[in-house]
Amino acid sequence: MLAPKRQQELEAVTTALSRFAPSRVAVEWPADLTRERYARHRDGSLPPSRNEVVQLGFRLAAAANLDEVDGIDVDGTFPYPAVEAFAKAHGQMDRLQKAHGTIAAEVAGFQQVIDNGSVAQALRHLNDPRRIVDGHAFYRELLLIGAGTEQPGVDLLTAWYRRNFAICAKLLQQARPGDRIVVFYGAGHSHLLRQCVAETPGYRLVEPDAYLP
């Protein structure tokens, strides 16, 4: 991402997203860390970073002349070991491995896009609504892992949903009437964060494809 070609592509993405006229930018870092690093980004003292928060979030916020960036990340647990242990003990590893294979195929597909295409093409791929729904299916499949009162799949989904609700709560609580917010977040969160925004009265979900180059 620090190579000249990628930097040009990132500038093209920033220029395109600037047409949305964002009044806020929200990213997947804690608030304190985001505040400190964005200040250093603006004064030129932040070391070069390949991280998407810097390359996309900070770049767009600076282009929009925003004084700060909203760090809305929330820590959470992901009790996957219990899911795997139950699957091993109850002959369900085939089901789990099939889900893993689907994820591996998705990752390989994205790698091909970024290897052979531009940053904009990679972002379009990640934000494709159909792909987002398909990617979320992994979490739903985990509901099959469990029986009776022992429900590790349910426990994992409950923790995952709670983290995403907490992230969305931060986003909504910081928004003000008329705000136009661009959110940069890991693709795994996309389905639940989109759902949260789209289903909350007074908010409208805007697809990035309308602005990406």
N, C-alpha and C. Protein backbone atom coordinates (compact mmCIF):
# COMPACT_ATOMS: atom_id res chain seq x y z
N MET A 1 0.80 -1.21 0.00
CA MET A 1 0.00 0.00 0.00
C MET A 1 0.84 1.28 0.00
N LEU A 2 2.11 1.15 0.32
CA LEU A 2 2.99 2.33 0.31
C LEU A 2 3.69 2.53 -1.04
N ALA A 3 3.52 1.58 -1.96
CA ALA A 3 4.13 1.72 -3.28
C ALA A 3 3.46 2.86 -4.05
N PRO A 4 4.20 3.54 -4.93
CA PRO A 4 3.63 4.67 -5.68
C PRO A 4 2.33 4.34 -6.39
N LYS A 5 2.25 3.18 -7.03
CA LYS A 5 1.03 2.79 -7.74
C LYS A 5 -0.17 2.73 -6.79
N ARG A 6 0.02 2.11 -5.64
CA ARG A 6 -1.08 2.01 -4.68
C ARG A 6 -1.44 3.37 -4.09
N GLN A 7 -0.42 4.21 -3.88
CA GLN A 7 -0.70 5.54 -3.36
C GLN A 7 -1.55 6.35 -4.34
N GLN A 8 -1.29 6.20 -5.62
CA GLN A 8 -2.11 6.87 -6.62
C GLN A 8 -3.55 6.34 -6.59
N GLU A 9 -3.68 5.03 -6.42
CA GLU A 9 -5.02 4.43 -6.36
C GLU A 9 -5.77 4.90 -5.11
N LEU A 10 -5.05 5.02 -3.99
CA LEU A 10 -5.67 5.50 -2.76
C LEU A 10 -6.10 6.95 -2.89
N GLU A 11 -5.30 7.75 -3.58
CA GLU A 11 -5.68 9.14 -3.82
C GLU A 11 -6.94 9.21 -4.68
N ALA A 12 -7.04 8.31 -5.67
CA ALA A 12 -8.22 8.28 -6.53
C ALA A 12 -9.47 7.92 -5.72
N VAL A 13 -9.32 6.96 -4.81
CA VAL A 13 -10.44 6.58 -3.95
C VAL A 13 -10.84 7.76 -3.06
N THR A 14 -9.86 8.42 -2.48
CA THR A 14 -10.14 9.56 -1.60
C THR A 14 -10.85 10.67 -2.36
N THR A 15 -10.37 10.98 -3.55
CA THR A 15 -11.00 12.02 -4.36
C THR A 15 -12.45 11.67 -4.67
N ALA A 16 -12.68 10.39 -5.00
CA ALA A 16 -14.03 9.95 -5.33
C ALA A 16 -14.95 10.00 -4.11
N LEU A 17 -14.47 9.49 -2.96
CA LEU A 17 -15.30 9.49 -1.76
C LEU A 17 -15.55 10.91 -1.25
N SER A 18 -14.67 11.83 -1.57
CA SER A 18 -14.84 13.22 -1.14
C SER A 18 -16.10 13.83 -1.75
N ARG A 19 -16.57 13.28 -2.86
CA ARG A 19 -17.80 13.78 -3.48
C ARG A 19 -19.02 13.56 -2.57
N PHE A 20 -18.89 12.63 -1.64
CA PHE A 20 -19.96 12.41 -0.66
C PHE A 20 -20.05 13.56 0.35
N ALA A 21 -19.00 14.37 0.40
CA ALA A 21 -18.91 15.50 1.33
C ALA A 21 -19.10 15.06 2.78
N PRO A 22 -18.22 14.16 3.25
CA PRO A 22 -18.38 13.65 4.62
C PRO A 22 -18.17 14.73 5.67
N SER A 23 -19.03 14.68 6.69
CA SER A 23 -18.86 15.58 7.84
C SER A 23 -18.18 14.85 8.99
N ARG A 24 -18.14 13.52 8.90
CA ARG A 24 -17.45 12.71 9.91
C ARG A 24 -16.87 11.48 9.23
N VAL A 25 -15.81 10.94 9.82
CA VAL A 25 -15.22 9.68 9.40
C VAL A 25 -15.07 8.82 10.66
N ALA A 26 -15.53 7.57 10.59
CA ALA A 26 -15.45 6.65 11.72
C ALA A 26 -14.61 5.44 11.34
N VAL A 27 -13.77 4.97 12.28
CA VAL A 27 -12.81 3.92 11.96
C VAL A 27 -12.73 2.87 13.06
N GLU A 28 -12.07 1.74 12.72
CA GLU A 28 -11.97 0.59 13.62
C GLU A 28 -10.74 0.68 14.52
N TRP A 29 -10.66 1.76 15.26
CA TRP A 29 -9.66 1.93 16.31
C TRP A 29 -10.35 2.52 17.53
N PRO A 30 -9.81 2.31 18.73
CA PRO A 30 -10.36 2.96 19.92
C PRO A 30 -10.25 4.48 19.81
N ALA A 31 -11.11 5.18 20.53
CA ALA A 31 -11.20 6.63 20.41
C ALA A 31 -9.88 7.33 20.76
N ASP A 32 -9.27 6.98 21.88
CA ASP A 32 -8.06 7.68 22.31
C ASP A 32 -6.92 7.50 21.31
N LEU A 33 -6.73 6.26 20.85
CA LEU A 33 -5.67 5.97 19.89
C LEU A 33 -5.92 6.71 18.58
N THR A 34 -7.17 6.73 18.15
CA THR A 34 -7.51 7.42 16.91
C THR A 34 -7.23 8.91 17.01
N ARG A 35 -7.62 9.50 18.12
CA ARG A 35 -7.43 10.94 18.31
C ARG A 35 -5.94 11.30 18.27
N GLU A 36 -5.14 10.51 18.99
CA GLU A 36 -3.70 10.80 19.06
C GLU A 36 -3.02 10.60 17.71
N ARG A 37 -3.34 9.52 17.02
CA ARG A 37 -2.67 9.23 15.76
C ARG A 37 -3.14 10.14 14.62
N TYR A 38 -4.41 10.53 14.65
CA TYR A 38 -4.87 11.44 13.60
C TYR A 38 -4.20 12.81 13.73
N ALA A 39 -4.01 13.25 14.97
CA ALA A 39 -3.31 14.52 15.20
C ALA A 39 -1.88 14.43 14.65
N ARG A 40 -1.23 13.31 14.86
CA ARG A 40 0.13 13.12 14.34
C ARG A 40 0.13 12.98 12.82
N HIS A 41 -0.91 12.36 12.29
CA HIS A 41 -1.03 12.28 10.82
C HIS A 41 -1.11 13.67 10.22
N ARG A 42 -1.86 14.53 10.85
CA ARG A 42 -2.06 15.88 10.29
C ARG A 42 -0.81 16.76 10.43
N ASP A 43 -0.04 16.53 11.49
CA ASP A 43 1.17 17.36 11.62
C ASP A 43 2.40 16.70 10.99
N GLY A 44 2.21 15.51 10.40
CA GLY A 44 3.29 14.86 9.66
C GLY A 44 4.22 14.03 10.50
N SER A 45 3.90 13.81 11.78
CA SER A 45 4.81 13.06 12.65
C SER A 45 4.46 11.57 12.77
N LEU A 46 3.36 11.14 12.16
CA LEU A 46 2.98 9.73 12.22
C LEU A 46 3.82 8.94 11.21
N PRO A 47 4.49 7.87 11.65
CA PRO A 47 5.29 7.07 10.72
C PRO A 47 4.42 6.47 9.62
N PRO A 48 5.01 6.17 8.47
CA PRO A 48 4.25 5.54 7.38
C PRO A 48 3.56 4.26 7.86
N SER A 49 2.34 4.05 7.42
CA SER A 49 1.56 2.89 7.84
C SER A 49 0.75 2.35 6.67
N ARG A 50 0.67 1.05 6.58
CA ARG A 50 -0.16 0.41 5.56
C ARG A 50 -1.60 0.21 6.03
N ASN A 51 -1.85 0.51 7.29
CA ASN A 51 -3.16 0.24 7.88
C ASN A 51 -4.25 1.05 7.18
N GLU A 52 -5.42 0.41 6.98
CA GLU A 52 -6.51 1.08 6.26
C GLU A 52 -7.06 2.28 7.00
N VAL A 53 -6.92 2.30 8.33
CA VAL A 53 -7.36 3.48 9.08
C VAL A 53 -6.60 4.71 8.63
N VAL A 54 -5.28 4.54 8.47
CA VAL A 54 -4.44 5.66 8.03
C VAL A 54 -4.61 5.93 6.55
N GLN A 55 -4.49 4.88 5.74
CA GLN A 55 -4.47 5.04 4.29
C GLN A 55 -5.82 5.47 3.71
N LEU A 56 -6.90 5.08 4.35
CA LEU A 56 -8.23 5.44 3.86
C LEU A 56 -8.93 6.43 4.79
N GLY A 57 -9.07 6.06 6.07
CA GLY A 57 -9.80 6.90 7.00
C GLY A 57 -9.16 8.26 7.24
N PHE A 58 -7.89 8.25 7.64
CA PHE A 58 -7.21 9.51 7.92
C PHE A 58 -7.05 10.35 6.66
N ARG A 59 -6.78 9.69 5.56
CA ARG A 59 -6.58 10.41 4.29
C ARG A 59 -7.87 11.15 3.90
N LEU A 60 -9.00 10.45 4.00
CA LEU A 60 -10.27 11.09 3.63
C LEU A 60 -10.63 12.21 4.61
N ALA A 61 -10.42 11.97 5.90
CA ALA A 61 -10.73 12.99 6.90
C ALA A 61 -9.89 14.25 6.68
N ALA A 62 -8.62 14.07 6.38
CA ALA A 62 -7.75 15.21 6.12
C ALA A 62 -8.17 15.95 4.86
N ALA A 63 -8.56 15.19 3.82
CA ALA A 63 -9.02 15.81 2.58
C ALA A 63 -10.29 16.63 2.81
N ALA A 64 -11.13 16.17 3.76
CA ALA A 64 -12.36 16.89 4.09
C ALA A 64 -12.12 17.98 5.14
N ASN A 65 -10.84 18.13 5.55
CA ASN A 65 -10.45 19.13 6.54
C ASN A 65 -11.18 18.94 7.87
N LEU A 66 -11.34 17.69 8.28
CA LEU A 66 -11.99 17.40 9.56
C LEU A 66 -10.97 17.50 10.69
N ASP A 67 -11.40 18.05 11.80
CA ASP A 67 -10.50 18.23 12.94
C ASP A 67 -10.23 16.93 13.68
N GLU A 68 -11.14 15.97 13.58
CA GLU A 68 -10.94 14.71 14.29
C GLU A 68 -11.60 13.57 13.53
N VAL A 69 -11.21 12.37 13.91
CA VAL A 69 -11.77 11.14 13.37
C VAL A 69 -12.38 10.36 14.52
N ASP A 70 -13.54 9.76 14.30
CA ASP A 70 -14.22 9.02 15.36
C ASP A 70 -13.70 7.58 15.43
N GLY A 71 -13.04 7.25 16.52
CA GLY A 71 -12.65 5.86 16.76
C GLY A 71 -13.79 5.17 17.49
N ILE A 72 -14.43 4.21 16.84
CA ILE A 72 -15.64 3.61 17.41
C ILE A 72 -15.48 2.13 17.74
N ASP A 73 -14.25 1.64 17.77
CA ASP A 73 -14.07 0.22 18.02
C ASP A 73 -14.37 -0.12 19.48
N VAL A 74 -14.87 -1.33 19.69
CA VAL A 74 -15.20 -1.84 21.02
C VAL A 74 -14.61 -3.24 21.14
N ASP A 75 -13.94 -3.51 22.25
CA ASP A 75 -13.41 -4.85 22.49
C ASP A 75 -14.55 -5.85 22.68
N GLY A 76 -14.28 -7.08 22.35
CA GLY A 76 -15.28 -8.11 22.57
C GLY A 76 -14.62 -9.48 22.62
N THR A 77 -15.35 -10.46 23.12
CA THR A 77 -14.84 -11.82 23.17
C THR A 77 -15.31 -12.58 21.93
N PHE A 78 -14.56 -13.61 21.57
CA PHE A 78 -14.92 -14.45 20.43
C PHE A 78 -14.64 -15.89 20.85
N PRO A 79 -15.57 -16.50 21.60
CA PRO A 79 -15.31 -17.82 22.22
C PRO A 79 -15.36 -18.97 21.22
N TYR A 80 -14.45 -18.93 20.26
CA TYR A 80 -14.43 -19.97 19.23
C TYR A 80 -13.90 -21.32 19.74
N PRO A 81 -12.91 -21.36 20.65
CA PRO A 81 -12.41 -22.65 21.12
C PRO A 81 -13.50 -23.59 21.63
N ALA A 82 -14.52 -23.03 22.28
CA ALA A 82 -15.61 -23.86 22.79
C ALA A 82 -16.42 -24.48 21.65
N VAL A 83 -16.56 -23.72 20.56
CA VAL A 83 -17.27 -24.23 19.38
C VAL A 83 -16.49 -25.40 18.79
N GLU A 84 -15.20 -25.22 18.64
CA GLU A 84 -14.36 -26.26 18.06
C GLU A 84 -14.31 -27.50 18.95
N ALA A 85 -14.24 -27.28 20.24
CA ALA A 85 -14.19 -28.42 21.18
C ALA A 85 -15.47 -29.24 21.11
N PHE A 86 -16.61 -28.55 21.03
CA PHE A 86 -17.89 -29.26 20.95
C PHE A 86 -17.97 -30.04 19.63
N ALA A 87 -17.55 -29.40 18.54
CA ALA A 87 -17.60 -30.06 17.24
C ALA A 87 -16.73 -31.32 17.22
N LYS A 88 -15.57 -31.25 17.82
CA LYS A 88 -14.68 -32.42 17.87
C LYS A 88 -15.29 -33.53 18.71
N ALA A 89 -15.93 -33.17 19.81
CA ALA A 89 -16.48 -34.17 20.72
C ALA A 89 -17.77 -34.81 20.21
N HIS A 90 -18.42 -34.15 19.25
CA HIS A 90 -19.73 -34.64 18.81
C HIS A 90 -19.78 -34.92 17.30
N GLY A 91 -18.61 -35.13 16.70
CA GLY A 91 -18.58 -35.53 15.30
C GLY A 91 -19.08 -34.49 14.33
N GLN A 92 -18.85 -33.21 14.64
CA GLN A 92 -19.34 -32.14 13.76
C GLN A 92 -18.19 -31.36 13.09
N MET A 93 -17.00 -31.92 13.12
CA MET A 93 -15.87 -31.20 12.53
C MET A 93 -16.01 -31.05 11.01
N ASP A 94 -16.67 -31.98 10.35
CA ASP A 94 -16.87 -31.84 8.90
C ASP A 94 -17.65 -30.58 8.59
N ARG A 95 -18.67 -30.33 9.39
CA ARG A 95 -19.47 -29.12 9.19
C ARG A 95 -18.64 -27.87 9.40
N LEU A 96 -17.81 -27.91 10.44
CA LEU A 96 -16.97 -26.75 10.75
C LEU A 96 -15.91 -26.55 9.67
N GLN A 97 -15.32 -27.62 9.21
CA GLN A 97 -14.29 -27.52 8.18
C GLN A 97 -14.86 -27.03 6.86
N LYS A 98 -16.10 -27.41 6.56
CA LYS A 98 -16.75 -26.91 5.36
C LYS A 98 -16.93 -25.39 5.44
N ALA A 99 -17.31 -24.90 6.61
CA ALA A 99 -17.45 -23.45 6.81
C ALA A 99 -16.11 -22.76 6.65
N HIS A 100 -15.05 -23.37 7.18
CA HIS A 100 -13.70 -22.82 7.05
C HIS A 100 -13.30 -22.77 5.57
N GLY A 101 -13.65 -23.82 4.82
CA GLY A 101 -13.32 -23.85 3.41
C GLY A 101 -13.97 -22.73 2.63
N THR A 102 -15.20 -22.41 3.00
CA THR A 102 -15.91 -21.29 2.35
C THR A 102 -15.19 -19.98 2.60
N ILE A 103 -14.74 -19.78 3.85
CA ILE A 103 -14.01 -18.56 4.18
C ILE A 103 -12.69 -18.50 3.43
N ALA A 104 -11.98 -19.62 3.37
CA ALA A 104 -10.70 -19.66 2.67
C ALA A 104 -10.88 -19.31 1.20
N ALA A 105 -11.96 -19.79 0.60
CA ALA A 105 -12.23 -19.47 -0.81
C ALA A 105 -12.51 -17.99 -0.99
N GLU A 106 -13.21 -17.39 -0.05
CA GLU A 106 -13.50 -15.96 -0.12
C GLU A 106 -12.21 -15.14 -0.02
N VAL A 107 -11.35 -15.55 0.91
CA VAL A 107 -10.07 -14.84 1.09
C VAL A 107 -9.22 -14.96 -0.17
N ALA A 108 -9.18 -16.14 -0.76
CA ALA A 108 -8.41 -16.36 -1.98
C ALA A 108 -8.96 -15.52 -3.13
N GLY A 109 -10.28 -15.42 -3.21
CA GLY A 109 -10.90 -14.60 -4.25
C GLY A 109 -10.57 -13.13 -4.10
N PHE A 110 -10.59 -12.66 -2.86
CA PHE A 110 -10.22 -11.26 -2.63
C PHE A 110 -8.74 -11.03 -2.95
N GLN A 111 -7.89 -11.98 -2.60
CA GLN A 111 -6.46 -11.83 -2.89
C GLN A 111 -6.21 -11.68 -4.38
N GLN A 112 -6.96 -12.41 -5.19
CA GLN A 112 -6.83 -12.29 -6.64
C GLN A 112 -7.23 -10.90 -7.11
N VAL A 113 -8.29 -10.36 -6.51
CA VAL A 113 -8.75 -9.02 -6.89
C VAL A 113 -7.68 -7.98 -6.58
N ILE A 114 -7.13 -8.02 -5.37
CA ILE A 114 -6.14 -7.00 -4.99
C ILE A 114 -4.82 -7.21 -5.71
N ASP A 115 -4.47 -8.47 -6.03
CA ASP A 115 -3.22 -8.73 -6.75
C ASP A 115 -3.29 -8.23 -8.19
N ASN A 116 -4.45 -8.34 -8.80
CA ASN A 116 -4.57 -8.04 -10.23
C ASN A 116 -5.35 -6.76 -10.53
N GLY A 117 -5.91 -6.14 -9.51
CA GLY A 117 -6.72 -4.95 -9.73
C GLY A 117 -6.29 -3.78 -8.88
N SER A 118 -7.15 -2.80 -8.78
CA SER A 118 -6.86 -1.57 -8.05
C SER A 118 -7.47 -1.61 -6.65
N VAL A 119 -7.12 -0.63 -5.84
CA VAL A 119 -7.72 -0.50 -4.51
C VAL A 119 -9.22 -0.30 -4.63
N ALA A 120 -9.64 0.49 -5.60
CA ALA A 120 -11.07 0.73 -5.80
C ALA A 120 -11.80 -0.57 -6.14
N GLN A 121 -11.20 -1.38 -6.97
CA GLN A 121 -11.82 -2.67 -7.31
C GLN A 121 -11.91 -3.57 -6.10
N ALA A 122 -10.88 -3.54 -5.26
CA ALA A 122 -10.90 -4.35 -4.04
C ALA A 122 -12.02 -3.88 -3.11
N LEU A 123 -12.20 -2.58 -2.99
CA LEU A 123 -13.26 -2.05 -2.13
C LEU A 123 -14.64 -2.36 -2.69
N ARG A 124 -14.78 -2.31 -4.00
CA ARG A 124 -16.05 -2.68 -4.61
C ARG A 124 -16.37 -4.16 -4.33
N HIS A 125 -15.34 -4.98 -4.41
CA HIS A 125 -15.52 -6.42 -4.13
C HIS A 125 -15.99 -6.63 -2.70
N LEU A 126 -15.33 -5.98 -1.74
CA LEU A 126 -15.66 -6.16 -0.34
C LEU A 126 -17.04 -5.61 0.02
N ASN A 127 -17.50 -4.60 -0.73
CA ASN A 127 -18.77 -3.97 -0.42
C ASN A 127 -19.93 -4.46 -1.27
N ASP A 128 -19.70 -5.53 -2.02
CA ASP A 128 -20.79 -6.10 -2.81
C ASP A 128 -21.85 -6.68 -1.87
N PRO A 129 -23.09 -6.21 -1.93
CA PRO A 129 -24.13 -6.66 -0.98
C PRO A 129 -24.33 -8.17 -0.96
N ARG A 130 -24.29 -8.82 -2.12
CA ARG A 130 -24.48 -10.27 -2.17
C ARG A 130 -23.33 -10.99 -1.47
N ARG A 131 -22.12 -10.52 -1.69
CA ARG A 131 -20.96 -11.15 -1.05
C ARG A 131 -21.02 -10.96 0.46
N ILE A 132 -21.50 -9.81 0.91
CA ILE A 132 -21.59 -9.54 2.34
C ILE A 132 -22.56 -10.51 3.01
N VAL A 133 -23.71 -10.74 2.38
CA VAL A 133 -24.69 -11.69 2.93
C VAL A 133 -24.11 -13.10 2.96
N ASP A 134 -23.46 -13.49 1.87
CA ASP A 134 -22.86 -14.82 1.83
C ASP A 134 -21.78 -14.99 2.89
N GLY A 135 -20.98 -13.95 3.10
CA GLY A 135 -19.92 -14.02 4.10
C GLY A 135 -20.46 -14.16 5.51
N HIS A 136 -21.61 -13.56 5.77
CA HIS A 136 -22.20 -13.63 7.11
C HIS A 136 -22.77 -15.01 7.41
N ALA A 137 -22.98 -15.80 6.37
CA ALA A 137 -23.56 -17.14 6.56
C ALA A 137 -22.72 -18.00 7.49
N PHE A 138 -21.41 -17.76 7.54
CA PHE A 138 -20.53 -18.53 8.42
C PHE A 138 -21.02 -18.48 9.86
N TYR A 139 -21.40 -17.29 10.31
CA TYR A 139 -21.84 -17.14 11.70
C TYR A 139 -23.14 -17.90 11.95
N ARG A 140 -24.04 -17.85 10.99
CA ARG A 140 -25.30 -18.56 11.15
C ARG A 140 -25.09 -20.08 11.20
N GLU A 141 -24.14 -20.56 10.43
CA GLU A 141 -23.87 -22.00 10.43
C GLU A 141 -23.39 -22.48 11.80
N LEU A 142 -22.80 -21.59 12.56
CA LEU A 142 -22.31 -21.98 13.88
C LEU A 142 -23.46 -22.29 14.84
N LEU A 143 -24.68 -21.86 14.52
CA LEU A 143 -25.82 -22.19 15.37
C LEU A 143 -26.11 -23.69 15.37
N LEU A 144 -25.57 -24.39 14.37
CA LEU A 144 -25.75 -25.84 14.31
C LEU A 144 -24.82 -26.58 15.27
N ILE A 145 -23.84 -25.87 15.80
CA ILE A 145 -22.88 -26.48 16.72
C ILE A 145 -23.39 -26.33 18.14
N GLY A 146 -23.97 -27.40 18.66
CA GLY A 146 -24.52 -27.37 20.01
C GLY A 146 -25.68 -28.34 20.14
N ALA A 147 -26.10 -28.57 21.37
CA ALA A 147 -27.24 -29.46 21.62
C ALA A 147 -27.70 -29.26 23.06
N GLY A 148 -29.01 -29.32 23.26
CA GLY A 148 -29.54 -29.21 24.62
C GLY A 148 -29.17 -27.88 25.28
N THR A 149 -28.63 -28.00 26.48
CA THR A 149 -28.25 -26.78 27.21
C THR A 149 -26.84 -26.31 26.89
N GLU A 150 -26.09 -27.10 26.12
CA GLU A 150 -24.72 -26.73 25.74
C GLU A 150 -24.76 -26.14 24.33
N GLN A 151 -24.62 -24.83 24.24
CA GLN A 151 -24.80 -24.14 22.97
C GLN A 151 -23.63 -23.18 22.68
N PRO A 152 -22.46 -23.72 22.37
CA PRO A 152 -21.30 -22.86 22.11
C PRO A 152 -21.49 -21.97 20.87
N GLY A 153 -22.22 -22.46 19.88
CA GLY A 153 -22.47 -21.64 18.70
C GLY A 153 -23.31 -20.43 19.04
N VAL A 154 -24.33 -20.63 19.85
CA VAL A 154 -25.17 -19.52 20.31
C VAL A 154 -24.34 -18.53 21.12
N ASP A 155 -23.48 -19.05 22.00
CA ASP A 155 -22.65 -18.17 22.83
C ASP A 155 -21.73 -17.31 21.97
N LEU A 156 -21.15 -17.91 20.93
CA LEU A 156 -20.26 -17.15 20.06
C LEU A 156 -21.03 -16.06 19.31
N LEU A 157 -22.18 -16.41 18.75
CA LEU A 157 -22.96 -15.41 18.02
C LEU A 157 -23.45 -14.30 18.93
N THR A 158 -23.82 -14.66 20.15
CA THR A 158 -24.26 -13.63 21.10
C THR A 158 -23.15 -12.63 21.37
N ALA A 159 -21.92 -13.14 21.56
CA ALA A 159 -20.78 -12.25 21.80
C ALA A 159 -20.47 -11.41 20.57
N TRP A 160 -20.54 -12.02 19.38
CA TRP A 160 -20.25 -11.29 18.14
C TRP A 160 -21.29 -10.21 17.87
N TYR A 161 -22.55 -10.55 18.07
CA TYR A 161 -23.61 -9.55 17.87
C TYR A 161 -23.49 -8.43 18.90
N ARG A 162 -23.16 -8.78 20.13
CA ARG A 162 -23.04 -7.74 21.15
C ARG A 162 -21.95 -6.74 20.78
N ARG A 163 -20.80 -7.24 20.32
CA ARG A 163 -19.72 -6.33 19.94
C ARG A 163 -20.18 -5.40 18.81
N ASN A 164 -20.84 -5.95 17.83
CA ASN A 164 -21.27 -5.13 16.70
C ASN A 164 -22.36 -4.14 17.09
N PHE A 165 -23.26 -4.54 17.98
CA PHE A 165 -24.25 -3.59 18.47
C PHE A 165 -23.57 -2.46 19.24
N ALA A 166 -22.54 -2.80 20.02
CA ALA A 166 -21.83 -1.77 20.78
C ALA A 166 -21.10 -0.80 19.86
N ILE A 167 -20.53 -1.33 18.76
CA ILE A 167 -19.87 -0.48 17.78
C ILE A 167 -20.88 0.45 17.13
N CYS A 168 -22.01 -0.12 16.71
CA CYS A 168 -23.04 0.69 16.07
C CYS A 168 -23.59 1.74 17.03
N ALA A 169 -23.73 1.38 18.30
CA ALA A 169 -24.22 2.34 19.28
C ALA A 169 -23.29 3.55 19.36
N LYS A 170 -21.98 3.31 19.35
CA LYS A 170 -21.03 4.43 19.37
C LYS A 170 -21.21 5.30 18.13
N LEU A 171 -21.37 4.65 16.98
CA LEU A 171 -21.56 5.39 15.74
C LEU A 171 -22.80 6.28 15.81
N LEU A 172 -23.92 5.70 16.24
CA LEU A 172 -25.17 6.44 16.29
C LEU A 172 -25.15 7.55 17.35
N GLN A 173 -24.54 7.26 18.48
CA GLN A 173 -24.53 8.24 19.57
C GLN A 173 -23.67 9.46 19.27
N GLN A 174 -22.68 9.29 18.38
CA GLN A 174 -21.82 10.42 18.04
C GLN A 174 -22.38 11.23 16.86
N ALA A 175 -23.33 10.65 16.14
CA ALA A 175 -23.88 11.34 14.96
C ALA A 175 -24.79 12.48 15.38
N ARG A 176 -24.85 13.49 14.53
CA ARG A 176 -25.71 14.64 14.74
C ARG A 176 -26.58 14.84 13.50
N PRO A 177 -27.73 15.47 13.65
CA PRO A 177 -28.61 15.67 12.49
C PRO A 177 -27.86 16.32 11.32
N GLY A 178 -28.02 15.75 10.15
CA GLY A 178 -27.36 16.27 8.96
C GLY A 178 -25.99 15.70 8.69
N ASP A 179 -25.43 14.91 9.62
CA ASP A 179 -24.11 14.33 9.40
C ASP A 179 -24.11 13.38 8.21
N ARG A 180 -22.98 13.40 7.50
CA ARG A 180 -22.73 12.46 6.42
C ARG A 180 -21.45 11.71 6.80
N ILE A 181 -21.61 10.45 7.21
CA ILE A 181 -20.53 9.71 7.85
C ILE A 181 -20.01 8.61 6.93
N VAL A 182 -18.70 8.54 6.77
CA VAL A 182 -18.07 7.43 6.06
C VAL A 182 -17.43 6.53 7.11
N VAL A 183 -17.76 5.24 7.07
CA VAL A 183 -17.28 4.28 8.05
C VAL A 183 -16.30 3.31 7.38
N PHE A 184 -15.11 3.20 7.95
CA PHE A 184 -14.11 2.23 7.49
C PHE A 184 -13.99 1.15 8.55
N TYR A 185 -14.44 -0.08 8.20
CA TYR A 185 -14.43 -1.15 9.19
C TYR A 185 -14.14 -2.47 8.53
N GLY A 186 -13.66 -3.44 9.30
CA GLY A 186 -13.36 -4.76 8.78
C GLY A 186 -14.57 -5.40 8.12
N ALA A 187 -14.33 -6.11 7.03
CA ALA A 187 -15.42 -6.65 6.22
C ALA A 187 -16.32 -7.61 7.00
N GLY A 188 -15.77 -8.31 7.99
CA GLY A 188 -16.57 -9.24 8.77
C GLY A 188 -17.69 -8.56 9.54
N HIS A 189 -17.54 -7.28 9.83
CA HIS A 189 -18.55 -6.52 10.57
C HIS A 189 -19.61 -5.93 9.64
N SER A 190 -19.36 -5.98 8.36
CA SER A 190 -20.17 -5.20 7.41
C SER A 190 -21.66 -5.52 7.49
N HIS A 191 -22.00 -6.79 7.50
CA HIS A 191 -23.42 -7.16 7.48
C HIS A 191 -24.18 -6.58 8.66
N LEU A 192 -23.64 -6.76 9.86
CA LEU A 192 -24.36 -6.32 11.06
C LEU A 192 -24.36 -4.81 11.20
N LEU A 193 -23.27 -4.13 10.83
CA LEU A 193 -23.25 -2.67 10.92
C LEU A 193 -24.20 -2.05 9.90
N ARG A 194 -24.23 -2.59 8.70
CA ARG A 194 -25.18 -2.11 7.69
C ARG A 194 -26.62 -2.30 8.17
N GLN A 195 -26.89 -3.48 8.72
CA GLN A 195 -28.23 -3.76 9.20
C GLN A 195 -28.62 -2.79 10.31
N CYS A 196 -27.71 -2.53 11.21
CA CYS A 196 -27.98 -1.62 12.33
C CYS A 196 -28.33 -0.23 11.83
N VAL A 197 -27.53 0.29 10.90
CA VAL A 197 -27.79 1.63 10.37
C VAL A 197 -29.09 1.66 9.58
N ALA A 198 -29.27 0.67 8.70
CA ALA A 198 -30.44 0.67 7.81
C ALA A 198 -31.74 0.55 8.58
N GLU A 199 -31.72 -0.13 9.73
CA GLU A 199 -32.94 -0.38 10.48
C GLU A 199 -33.19 0.64 11.59
N THR A 200 -32.28 1.61 11.76
CA THR A 200 -32.45 2.61 12.81
C THR A 200 -33.20 3.82 12.25
N PRO A 201 -34.32 4.20 12.87
CA PRO A 201 -35.09 5.36 12.38
C PRO A 201 -34.23 6.62 12.34
N GLY A 202 -34.36 7.37 11.26
CA GLY A 202 -33.64 8.63 11.13
C GLY A 202 -32.29 8.52 10.45
N TYR A 203 -31.86 7.29 10.11
CA TYR A 203 -30.57 7.08 9.46
C TYR A 203 -30.79 6.43 8.10
N ARG A 204 -29.91 6.74 7.16
CA ARG A 204 -30.00 6.16 5.82
C ARG A 204 -28.66 5.58 5.43
N LEU A 205 -28.67 4.32 5.01
CA LEU A 205 -27.46 3.65 4.55
C LEU A 205 -27.18 4.06 3.10
N VAL A 206 -25.98 4.55 2.85
CA VAL A 206 -25.57 4.94 1.50
C VAL A 206 -24.48 3.98 1.04
N GLU A 207 -24.71 3.31 -0.08
CA GLU A 207 -23.73 2.35 -0.59
C GLU A 207 -22.52 3.09 -1.18
N PRO A 208 -21.31 2.61 -0.87
CA PRO A 208 -20.10 3.29 -1.38
C PRO A 208 -19.92 3.17 -2.88
N ASP A 209 -20.52 2.17 -3.49
CA ASP A 209 -20.34 1.98 -4.94
C ASP A 209 -20.78 3.19 -5.74
N ALA A 210 -21.69 3.99 -5.18
CA ALA A 210 -22.15 5.19 -5.87
C ALA A 210 -21.05 6.24 -5.94
N TYR A 211 -20.00 6.08 -5.14
CA TYR A 211 -18.92 7.07 -5.07
C TYR A 211 -17.55 6.53 -5.42
N LEU A 212 -17.35 5.23 -5.26
CA LEU A 212 -16.02 4.67 -5.56
C LEU A 212 -15.70 4.80 -7.04
N PRO A 213 -14.41 5.04 -7.38
CA PRO A 213 -14.05 5.12 -8.79
C PRO A 213 -14.14 3.76 -9.46
